[in-house]
Amino acid sequence: MAMFNCPTCYKTIGELPKSGTLLVLCADCHFKYEVLRGRLIERTSVRVGGPNNDPIRRYVFRLDVPNRDADSVKFARQGIEEVQARPGDDVVIVHTMRGRHREEALAVHNLTTGDSFAINAPGRKSRATAEAWASPSVCSLAVGC
């Protein structure tokens, strides 16, 4: 079994069970994570924008997760390096959670090849939303500031 360390504070907070899914809340930084491990069934990738030297790609990974139906995971990643994985690879995908819903993908780890790909940082989506709501134009629309 594999241990999971919090991507924010780096403390060990869980062990990935044989079921392939770990839902865990970090007691120190209060982020909730889903760690999903499975065999890759299908991977799609489409370029959706960005300059040639820093493109944005959207990915869909279909995983065969033990004791569950196949699970599709969607995420976007910016950068020249593509997330490499082939059908049959043992893959781990880490997400932050908001309640029972996946909020943002943080990383993809290909256990077959040993490659890891950072996607996002914990809390980035929440910070961007808070900053958007704090802007003067949103403030005047929302509460008449």
Foldseek 3Di string as FASTA:
>chain_A
DDWDADLPPRHTFGDQDLQQWDWTADPPPGWIKIKGKFFWADKDKDFDDDDPQKTKIKMWTWGDGHPDHIDIDIAIAIGDDDDDDDGGWIKIWMFTDDVPHGDHTAKMAGPVVRDIDGGDGPCPVVVVVVVVCPDPVNVCVPPND
